[in-house]
Amino acid sequence: MYSIQFGQQTIPYTLSRSSRRKTLSISLDQHGVSVISPAAVDVTKIESTLHKKVAWIIKQLAVFK
């Protein structure tokens, strides 16, 4: 399990890698945040993308709580 820090809030997420995947996918459900990425993408690039989308992620997580 990975996590990103945003202010005082820590957001955990699961990361799956796929050799067939071409783009990064972020999905949310009642269990939390799931990220599916191409196998060649490093974790820093994934976390950078998550930081860009953090406002949307927090808003969507509030819907499930």
C-alpha atoms as a PDB file:
ATOM      1  CA  MET A   1       0.000   0.000   0.000  1.00  0.00           C
ATOM      2  CA  TYR A   2       1.333   3.393  -0.996  1.00  0.00           C
ATOM      3  CA  SER A   3       0.257   6.827   0.260  1.00  0.00           C
ATOM      4  CA  ILE A   4       0.549  10.501  -0.612  1.00  0.00           C
ATOM      5  CA  GLN A   5       0.638  13.398   1.831  1.00  0.00           C
ATOM      6  CA  PHE A   6      -1.550  16.444   1.221  1.00  0.00           C
ATOM      7  CA  GLY A   7      -1.342  18.992   4.003  1.00  0.00           C
ATOM      8  CA  GLN A   8      -2.366  17.203   7.198  1.00  0.00           C
ATOM      9  CA  GLN A   9      -4.140  14.432   5.301  1.00  0.00           C
ATOM     10  CA  THR A  10      -2.553  11.158   4.227  1.00  0.00           C
ATOM     11  CA  ILE A  11      -4.292   9.400   1.354  1.00  0.00           C
ATOM     12  CA  PRO A  12      -3.481   5.687   0.985  1.00  0.00           C
ATOM     13  CA  TYR A  13      -3.759   4.037  -2.419  1.00  0.00           C
ATOM     14  CA  THR A  14      -3.168   0.666  -4.022  1.00  0.00           C
ATOM     15  CA  LEU A  15      -0.955   0.444  -7.079  1.00  0.00           C
ATOM     16  CA  SER A  16      -1.241  -2.147  -9.827  1.00  0.00           C
ATOM     17  CA  ARG A  17       1.026  -2.266 -12.842  1.00  0.00           C
ATOM     18  CA  SER A  18       0.147  -3.613 -16.260  1.00  0.00           C
ATOM     19  CA  SER A  19       2.368  -4.204 -19.270  1.00  0.00           C
ATOM     20  CA  ARG A  20      -0.680  -3.722 -21.531  1.00  0.00           C
ATOM     21  CA  ARG A  21      -1.778  -0.414 -19.990  1.00  0.00           C
ATOM     22  CA  LYS A  22      -0.869   2.767 -21.918  1.00  0.00           C
ATOM     23  CA  THR A  23      -2.187   5.454 -19.543  1.00  0.00           C
ATOM     24  CA  LEU A  24      -2.528   6.002 -15.807  1.00  0.00           C
ATOM     25  CA  SER A  25      -5.946   5.219 -14.320  1.00  0.00           C
ATOM     26  CA  ILE A  26      -7.210   6.523 -10.972  1.00  0.00           C
ATOM     27  CA  SER A  27     -10.402   5.043  -9.554  1.00  0.00           C
ATOM     28  CA  LEU A  28     -12.179   5.466  -6.243  1.00  0.00           C
ATOM     29  CA  ASP A  29     -14.725   3.354  -4.421  1.00  0.00           C
ATOM     30  CA  GLN A  30     -15.797   2.605  -0.861  1.00  0.00           C
ATOM     31  CA  HIS A  31     -12.470   0.801  -0.287  1.00  0.00           C
ATOM     32  CA  GLY A  32     -10.307   3.790  -1.264  1.00  0.00           C
ATOM     33  CA  VAL A  33      -8.096   4.899  -4.124  1.00  0.00           C
ATOM     34  CA  SER A  34      -6.776   2.480  -6.755  1.00  0.00           C
ATOM     35  CA  VAL A  35      -4.163   3.356  -9.360  1.00  0.00           C
ATOM     36  CA  ILE A  36      -3.369   1.255 -12.426  1.00  0.00           C
ATOM     37  CA  SER A  37      -0.290   2.315 -14.351  1.00  0.00           C
ATOM     38  CA  PRO A  38       1.843   1.151 -17.238  1.00  0.00           C
ATOM     39  CA  ALA A  39       4.703  -1.042 -16.028  1.00  0.00           C
ATOM     40  CA  ALA A  40       7.390   1.427 -17.161  1.00  0.00           C
ATOM     41  CA  VAL A  41       6.097   4.425 -15.146  1.00  0.00           C
ATOM     42  CA  ASP A  42       8.030   5.108 -11.927  1.00  0.00           C
ATOM     43  CA  VAL A  43       6.398   5.897  -8.589  1.00  0.00           C
ATOM     44  CA  THR A  44       7.489   9.568  -8.605  1.00  0.00           C
ATOM     45  CA  LYS A  45       5.573  10.160 -11.849  1.00  0.00           C
ATOM     46  CA  ILE A  46       2.518   8.416 -10.390  1.00  0.00           C
ATOM     47  CA  GLU A  47       2.680  10.510  -7.213  1.00  0.00           C
ATOM     48  CA  SER A  48       3.107  13.675  -9.277  1.00  0.00           C
ATOM     49  CA  THR A  49      -0.094  12.858 -11.145  1.00  0.00           C
ATOM     50  CA  LEU A  50      -1.911  12.099  -7.885  1.00  0.00           C
ATOM     51  CA  HIS A  51      -0.828  15.475  -6.445  1.00  0.00           C
ATOM     52  CA  LYS A  52      -2.306  17.193  -9.513  1.00  0.00           C
ATOM     53  CA  LYS A  53      -5.602  15.353  -8.942  1.00  0.00           C
ATOM     54  CA  VAL A  54      -5.654  15.545  -5.120  1.00  0.00           C
ATOM     55  CA  ALA A  55      -8.561  18.034  -4.919  1.00  0.00           C
ATOM     56  CA  TRP A  56     -10.713  15.711  -7.048  1.00  0.00           C
ATOM     57  CA  ILE A  57      -9.618  12.667  -5.012  1.00  0.00           C
ATOM     58  CA  ILE A  58     -10.521  14.306  -1.691  1.00  0.00           C
ATOM     59  CA  LYS A  59     -13.892  15.428  -3.065  1.00  0.00           C
ATOM     60  CA  GLN A  60     -14.684  11.922  -4.335  1.00  0.00           C
ATOM     61  CA  LEU A  61     -13.568  10.251  -1.095  1.00  0.00           C
ATOM     62  CA  ALA A  62     -15.974  12.508   0.827  1.00  0.00           C
ATOM     63  CA  VAL A  63     -18.833  11.076  -1.275  1.00  0.00           C
ATOM     64  CA  PHE A  64     -18.008   7.544  -0.074  1.00  0.00           C
ATOM     65  CA  LYS A  65     -17.762   8.487   3.613  1.00  0.00           C
END
